[in-house]
């Protein structure tokens, strides 16, 4: 299992469960042994693209004020 540094398996499992519950990702179990779990994004996840890019653009535009640089 690949885990990001700084995130516990328990927290990762909870986040993945929440994303699946809200239909952003789909969980598929493949095989019997060893069991493989595959996560894929659902089309609904694409609705997050515009607000994420808007926040990124805002951050770029206001970087100096936010960071104090």
PDB file of N, CA and C in Angstrom:
ATOM      1  N   UNK A   1       0.846  -1.179   0.000  1.00  0.00           N
ATOM      2  CA  UNK A   1       0.000   0.000   0.000  1.00  0.00           C
ATOM      3  C   UNK A   1       0.886   1.235   0.000  1.00  0.00           C
ATOM      4  N   UNK A   2       0.650   2.130  -0.924  1.00  0.00           N
ATOM      5  CA  UNK A   2       1.385   3.386  -0.960  1.00  0.00           C
ATOM      6  C   UNK A   2       0.670   4.396  -0.079  1.00  0.00           C
ATOM      7  N   UNK A   3       1.404   4.973   0.851  1.00  0.00           N
ATOM      8  CA  UNK A   3       0.819   5.939   1.771  1.00  0.00           C
ATOM      9  C   UNK A   3       1.659   7.208   1.734  1.00  0.00           C
ATOM     10  N   UNK A   4       0.988   8.337   1.674  1.00  0.00           N
ATOM     11  CA  UNK A   4       1.678   9.615   1.683  1.00  0.00           C
ATOM     12  C   UNK A   4       2.342   9.828   3.031  1.00  0.00           C
ATOM     13  N   UNK A   5       3.533  10.431   3.044  1.00  0.00           N
ATOM     14  CA  UNK A   5       4.171  10.727   4.316  1.00  0.00           C
ATOM     15  C   UNK A   5       3.269  11.641   5.145  1.00  0.00           C
ATOM     16  N   UNK A   6       3.154  11.352   6.435  1.00  0.00           N
ATOM     17  CA  UNK A   6       2.382  12.206   7.315  1.00  0.00           C
ATOM     18  C   UNK A   6       0.912  11.846   7.421  1.00  0.00           C
ATOM     19  N   UNK A   7       0.442  10.832   6.725  1.00  0.00           N
ATOM     20  CA  UNK A   7      -0.965  10.425   6.850  1.00  0.00           C
ATOM     21  C   UNK A   7      -0.997   8.973   7.327  1.00  0.00           C
ATOM     22  N   UNK A   8      -1.788   8.735   8.353  1.00  0.00           N
ATOM     23  CA  UNK A   8      -1.883   7.376   8.876  1.00  0.00           C
ATOM     24  C   UNK A   8      -2.845   6.558   8.019  1.00  0.00           C
ATOM     25  N   UNK A   9      -2.675   5.248   8.023  1.00  0.00           N
ATOM     26  CA  UNK A   9      -3.612   4.400   7.263  1.00  0.00           C
ATOM     27  C   UNK A   9      -5.065   4.614   7.696  1.00  0.00           C
ATOM     28  N   UNK A  10      -5.297   4.859   8.980  1.00  0.00           N
ATOM     29  CA  UNK A  10      -6.658   5.084   9.482  1.00  0.00           C
ATOM     30  C   UNK A  10      -7.265   6.350   8.880  1.00  0.00           C
ATOM     31  N   UNK A  11      -6.482   7.428   8.842  1.00  0.00           N
ATOM     32  CA  UNK A  11      -6.965   8.686   8.279  1.00  0.00           C
ATOM     33  C   UNK A  11      -7.190   8.538   6.773  1.00  0.00           C
ATOM     34  N   UNK A  12      -6.267   7.884   6.099  1.00  0.00           N
ATOM     35  CA  UNK A  12      -6.417   7.666   4.655  1.00  0.00           C
ATOM     36  C   UNK A  12      -7.685   6.863   4.361  1.00  0.00           C
ATOM     37  N   UNK A  13      -7.923   5.798   5.130  1.00  0.00           N
ATOM     38  CA  UNK A  13      -9.113   4.972   4.928  1.00  0.00           C
ATOM     39  C   UNK A  13     -10.384   5.795   5.127  1.00  0.00           C
ATOM     40  N   UNK A  14     -10.401   6.652   6.136  1.00  0.00           N
ATOM     41  CA  UNK A  14     -11.570   7.492   6.398  1.00  0.00           C
ATOM     42  C   UNK A  14     -11.802   8.472   5.252  1.00  0.00           C
ATOM     43  N   UNK A  15     -10.736   9.105   4.776  1.00  0.00           N
ATOM     44  CA  UNK A  15     -10.868  10.066   3.675  1.00  0.00           C
ATOM     45  C   UNK A  15     -11.369   9.376   2.405  1.00  0.00           C
ATOM     46  N   UNK A  16     -10.817   8.211   2.102  1.00  0.00           N
ATOM     47  CA  UNK A  16     -11.262   7.473   0.918  1.00  0.00           C
ATOM     48  C   UNK A  16     -12.730   7.067   1.050  1.00  0.00           C
ATOM     49  N   UNK A  17     -13.130   6.642   2.250  1.00  0.00           N
ATOM     50  CA  UNK A  17     -14.525   6.273   2.479  1.00  0.00           C
ATOM     51  C   UNK A  17     -15.450   7.476   2.276  1.00  0.00           C
ATOM     52  N   UNK A  18     -15.036   8.640   2.789  1.00  0.00           N
ATOM     53  CA  UNK A  18     -15.833   9.862   2.603  1.00  0.00           C
ATOM     54  C   UNK A  18     -15.948  10.239   1.132  1.00  0.00           C
ATOM     55  N   UNK A  19     -14.839  10.158   0.404  1.00  0.00           N
ATOM     56  CA  UNK A  19     -14.864  10.484  -1.029  1.00  0.00           C
ATOM     57  C   UNK A  19     -15.771   9.521  -1.793  1.00  0.00           C
ATOM     58  N   UNK A  20     -15.737   8.253  -1.404  1.00  0.00           N
ATOM     59  CA  UNK A  20     -16.604   7.271  -2.054  1.00  0.00           C
ATOM     60  C   UNK A  20     -18.069   7.543  -1.708  1.00  0.00           C
ATOM     61  N   UNK A  21     -18.336   7.846  -0.464  1.00  0.00           N
ATOM     62  CA  UNK A  21     -19.708   8.121  -0.025  1.00  0.00           C
ATOM     63  C   UNK A  21     -20.300   9.323  -0.759  1.00  0.00           C
ATOM     64  N   UNK A  22     -19.464  10.317  -1.055  1.00  0.00           N
ATOM     65  CA  UNK A  22     -19.929  11.517  -1.741  1.00  0.00           C
ATOM     66  C   UNK A  22     -19.793  11.408  -3.259  1.00  0.00           C
ATOM     67  N   UNK A  23     -19.495  10.213  -3.737  1.00  0.00           N
ATOM     68  CA  UNK A  23     -19.459   9.873  -5.163  1.00  0.00           C
ATOM     69  C   UNK A  23     -18.382  10.616  -5.958  1.00  0.00           C
ATOM     70  N   UNK A  24     -17.261  10.908  -5.293  1.00  0.00           N
ATOM     71  CA  UNK A  24     -16.127  11.494  -6.004  1.00  0.00           C
ATOM     72  C   UNK A  24     -15.213  10.407  -6.558  1.00  0.00           C
ATOM     73  N   UNK A  25     -15.182   9.247  -5.873  1.00  0.00           N
ATOM     74  CA  UNK A  25     -14.368   8.124  -6.323  1.00  0.00           C
ATOM     75  C   UNK A  25     -15.193   6.849  -6.265  1.00  0.00           C
ATOM     76  N   UNK A  26     -14.695   5.818  -6.973  1.00  0.00           N
ATOM     77  CA  UNK A  26     -15.325   4.506  -6.952  1.00  0.00           C
ATOM     78  C   UNK A  26     -14.283   3.501  -6.472  1.00  0.00           C
ATOM     79  N   UNK A  27     -14.692   2.640  -5.555  1.00  0.00           N
ATOM     80  CA  UNK A  27     -13.811   1.608  -5.007  1.00  0.00           C
ATOM     81  C   UNK A  27     -14.178   0.281  -5.653  1.00  0.00           C
ATOM     82  N   UNK A  28     -13.169  -0.396  -6.220  1.00  0.00           N
ATOM     83  CA  UNK A  28     -13.384  -1.695  -6.847  1.00  0.00           C
ATOM     84  C   UNK A  28     -12.421  -2.698  -6.233  1.00  0.00           C
ATOM     85  N   UNK A  29     -12.951  -3.822  -5.772  1.00  0.00           N
ATOM     86  CA  UNK A  29     -12.131  -4.893  -5.212  1.00  0.00           C
ATOM     87  C   UNK A  29     -11.904  -5.913  -6.318  1.00  0.00           C
ATOM     88  N   UNK A  30     -10.626  -6.255  -6.569  1.00  0.00           N
ATOM     89  CA  UNK A  30     -10.257  -7.162  -7.649  1.00  0.00           C
ATOM     90  C   UNK A  30      -9.560  -8.381  -7.059  1.00  0.00           C
ATOM     91  N   UNK A  31      -9.977  -9.549  -7.494  1.00  0.00           N
ATOM     92  CA  UNK A  31      -9.314 -10.782  -7.094  1.00  0.00           C
ATOM     93  C   UNK A  31      -9.682 -11.251  -5.701  1.00  0.00           C
ATOM     94  N   UNK A  32      -9.164 -12.422  -5.380  1.00  0.00           N
ATOM     95  CA  UNK A  32      -9.425 -13.009  -4.076  1.00  0.00           C
ATOM     96  C   UNK A  32      -8.185 -12.948  -3.188  1.00  0.00           C
ATOM     97  N   UNK A  33      -7.046 -13.408  -3.710  1.00  0.00           N
ATOM     98  CA  UNK A  33      -5.824 -13.335  -2.928  1.00  0.00           C
ATOM     99  C   UNK A  33      -4.647 -13.163  -3.859  1.00  0.00           C
ATOM    100  N   UNK A  34      -3.833 -12.189  -3.703  1.00  0.00           N
ATOM    101  CA  UNK A  34      -4.044 -11.098  -2.762  1.00  0.00           C
ATOM    102  C   UNK A  34      -5.116 -10.138  -3.285  1.00  0.00           C
ATOM    103  N   UNK A  35      -5.884  -9.607  -2.395  1.00  0.00           N
ATOM    104  CA  UNK A  35      -6.942  -8.675  -2.762  1.00  0.00           C
ATOM    105  C   UNK A  35      -6.307  -7.370  -3.220  1.00  0.00           C
ATOM    106  N   UNK A  36      -6.826  -6.845  -4.307  1.00  0.00           N
ATOM    107  CA  UNK A  36      -6.351  -5.566  -4.827  1.00  0.00           C
ATOM    108  C   UNK A  36      -7.537  -4.610  -4.843  1.00  0.00           C
ATOM    109  N   UNK A  37      -7.323  -3.419  -4.315  1.00  0.00           N
ATOM    110  CA  UNK A  37      -8.378  -2.413  -4.302  1.00  0.00           C
ATOM    111  C   UNK A  37      -7.961  -1.284  -5.232  1.00  0.00           C
ATOM    112  N   UNK A  38      -8.842  -0.953  -6.159  1.00  0.00           N
ATOM    113  CA  UNK A  38      -8.565   0.091  -7.138  1.00  0.00           C
ATOM    114  C   UNK A  38      -9.562   1.224  -6.925  1.00  0.00           C
ATOM    115  N   UNK A  39      -9.027   2.443  -6.858  1.00  0.00           N
ATOM    116  CA  UNK A  39      -9.876   3.629  -6.741  1.00  0.00           C
ATOM    117  C   UNK A  39      -9.790   4.403  -8.047  1.00  0.00           C
ATOM    118  N   UNK A  40     -10.949   4.761  -8.579  1.00  0.00           N
ATOM    119  CA  UNK A  40     -11.001   5.587  -9.783  1.00  0.00           C
ATOM    120  C   UNK A  40     -11.913   6.779  -9.513  1.00  0.00           C
ATOM    121  N   UNK A  41     -11.642   7.864 -10.207  1.00  0.00           N
ATOM    122  CA  UNK A  41     -12.492   9.033  -9.967  1.00  0.00           C
ATOM    123  C   UNK A  41     -13.774   8.913 -10.786  1.00  0.00           C
ATOM    124  N   UNK A  42     -14.828   9.425 -10.208  1.00  0.00           N
ATOM    125  CA  UNK A  42     -16.141   9.435 -10.855  1.00  0.00           C
ATOM    126  C   UNK A  42     -16.296  10.748 -11.618  1.00  0.00           C
ATOM    127  N   UNK A  43     -17.162  10.790 -12.616  1.00  0.00           N
ATOM    128  CA  UNK A  43     -17.380  12.034 -13.358  1.00  0.00           C
ATOM    129  C   UNK A  43     -17.747  13.218 -12.453  1.00  0.00           C
ATOM    130  N   UNK A  44     -18.448  12.936 -11.353  1.00  0.00           N
ATOM    131  CA  UNK A  44     -18.833  14.011 -10.429  1.00  0.00           C
ATOM    132  C   UNK A  44     -17.611  14.741  -9.875  1.00  0.00           C
ATOM    133  N   UNK A  45     -16.483  14.047  -9.758  1.00  0.00           N
ATOM    134  CA  UNK A  45     -15.255  14.673  -9.262  1.00  0.00           C
ATOM    135  C   UNK A  45     -14.800  15.813 -10.172  1.00  0.00           C
ATOM    136  N   UNK A  46     -15.130  15.716 -11.454  1.00  0.00           N
ATOM    137  CA  UNK A  46     -14.738  16.762 -12.402  1.00  0.00           C
ATOM    138  C   UNK A  46     -15.408  18.104 -12.106  1.00  0.00           C
ATOM    139  N   UNK A  47     -16.517  18.070 -11.349  1.00  0.00           N
ATOM    140  CA  UNK A  47     -17.185  19.335 -11.004  1.00  0.00           C
ATOM    141  C   UNK A  47     -16.336  20.170 -10.049  1.00  0.00           C
ATOM    142  N   UNK A  48     -15.314  19.560  -9.451  1.00  0.00           N
ATOM    143  CA  UNK A  48     -14.417  20.292  -8.548  1.00  0.00           C
ATOM    144  C   UNK A  48     -13.340  21.070  -9.298  1.00  0.00           C
ATOM    145  N   UNK A  49     -13.135  20.751 -10.560  1.00  0.00           N
ATOM    146  CA  UNK A  49     -12.056  21.401 -11.311  1.00  0.00           C
ATOM    147  C   UNK A  49     -12.192  22.925 -11.354  1.00  0.00           C
ATOM    148  N   UNK A  50     -13.338  23.493 -11.735  1.00  0.00           N
ATOM    149  CA  UNK A  50     -13.430  24.962 -11.785  1.00  0.00           C
ATOM    150  C   UNK A  50     -13.148  25.658 -10.442  1.00  0.00           C
ATOM    151  N   UNK A  51     -13.738  25.208  -9.315  1.00  0.00           N
ATOM    152  CA  UNK A  51     -13.420  25.920  -8.074  1.00  0.00           C
ATOM    153  C   UNK A  51     -11.977  25.739  -7.626  1.00  0.00           C
ATOM    154  N   UNK A  52     -11.387  24.587  -7.904  1.00  0.00           N
ATOM    155  CA  UNK A  52      -9.980  24.384  -7.530  1.00  0.00           C
ATOM    156  C   UNK A  52      -9.083  25.315  -8.342  1.00  0.00           C
ATOM    157  N   UNK A  53      -9.320  25.416  -9.633  1.00  0.00           N
ATOM    158  CA  UNK A  53      -8.520  26.334 -10.449  1.00  0.00           C
ATOM    159  C   UNK A  53      -8.765  27.788 -10.057  1.00  0.00           C
ATOM    160  N   UNK A  54      -9.996  28.114  -9.677  1.00  0.00           N
ATOM    161  CA  UNK A  54     -10.287  29.484  -9.234  1.00  0.00           C
ATOM    162  C   UNK A  54      -9.502  29.809  -7.965  1.00  0.00           C
ATOM    163  N   UNK A  55      -9.440  28.866  -7.024  1.00  0.00           N
ATOM    164  CA  UNK A  55      -8.666  29.096  -5.795  1.00  0.00           C
ATOM    165  C   UNK A  55      -7.177  29.206  -6.098  1.00  0.00           C
ATOM    166  N   UNK A  56      -6.697  28.372  -7.016  1.00  0.00           N
ATOM    167  CA  UNK A  56      -5.285  28.450  -7.406  1.00  0.00           C
ATOM    168  C   UNK A  56      -4.971  29.815  -8.012  1.00  0.00           C
ATOM    169  N   UNK A  57      -5.823  30.263  -8.914  1.00  0.00           N
ATOM    170  CA  UNK A  57      -5.612  31.557  -9.564  1.00  0.00           C
ATOM    171  C   UNK A  57      -5.662  32.696  -8.554  1.00  0.00           C
ATOM    172  N   UNK A  58      -6.593  32.594  -7.595  1.00  0.00           N
ATOM    173  CA  UNK A  58      -6.678  33.617  -6.551  1.00  0.00           C
ATOM    174  C   UNK A  58      -5.389  33.624  -5.735  1.00  0.00           C
ATOM    175  N   UNK A  59      -4.904  32.452  -5.384  1.00  0.00           N
ATOM    176  CA  UNK A  59      -3.663  32.347  -4.616  1.00  0.00           C
ATOM    177  C   UNK A  59      -2.475  32.941  -5.345  1.00  0.00           C
ATOM    178  N   UNK A  60      -2.389  32.702  -6.635  1.00  0.00           N
ATOM    179  CA  UNK A  60      -1.306  33.263  -7.430  1.00  0.00           C
ATOM    180  C   UNK A  60      -1.407  34.785  -7.465  1.00  0.00           C
ATOM    181  N   UNK A  61      -2.625  35.287  -7.654  1.00  0.00           N
ATOM    182  CA  UNK A  61      -2.835  36.738  -7.728  1.00  0.00           C
ATOM    183  C   UNK A  61      -2.571  37.442  -6.403  1.00  0.00           C
ATOM    184  N   UNK A  62      -2.790  36.766  -5.293  1.00  0.00           N
ATOM    185  CA  UNK A  62      -2.678  37.394  -3.984  1.00  0.00           C
ATOM    186  C   UNK A  62      -1.517  36.855  -3.158  1.00  0.00           C
ATOM    187  N   UNK A  63      -0.594  36.173  -3.803  1.00  0.00           N
ATOM    188  CA  UNK A  63       0.520  35.515  -3.111  1.00  0.00           C
ATOM    189  C   UNK A  63       1.305  36.490  -2.235  1.00  0.00           C
ATOM    190  N   UNK A  64       1.630  37.656  -2.770  1.00  0.00           N
ATOM    191  CA  UNK A  64       2.461  38.603  -2.008  1.00  0.00           C
ATOM    192  C   UNK A  64       1.761  39.052  -0.733  1.00  0.00           C
ATOM    193  N   UNK A  65       0.485  39.358  -0.823  1.00  0.00           N
ATOM    194  CA  UNK A  65      -0.249  39.807   0.361  1.00  0.00           C
ATOM    195  C   UNK A  65      -0.403  38.678   1.386  1.00  0.00           C
ATOM    196  N   UNK A  66      -0.686  37.479   0.909  1.00  0.00           N
ATOM    197  CA  UNK A  66      -0.908  36.347   1.802  1.00  0.00           C
ATOM    198  C   UNK A  66       0.379  35.925   2.512  1.00  0.00           C
ATOM    199  N   UNK A  67       1.476  35.907   1.779  1.00  0.00           N
ATOM    200  CA  UNK A  67       2.740  35.456   2.371  1.00  0.00           C
ATOM    201  C   UNK A  67       3.498  36.586   3.050  1.00  0.00           C
ATOM    202  N   UNK A  68       3.091  37.801   2.808  1.00  0.00           N
ATOM    203  CA  UNK A  68       3.783  38.930   3.419  1.00  0.00           C
ATOM    204  C   UNK A  68       5.083  39.286   2.717  1.00  0.00           C
ATOM    205  N   UNK A  69       5.309  38.692   1.563  1.00  0.00           N
ATOM    206  CA  UNK A  69       6.557  38.950   0.830  1.00  0.00           C
ATOM    207  C   UNK A  69       6.452  40.203  -0.019  1.00  0.00           C
TER     208      UNK A  69
END
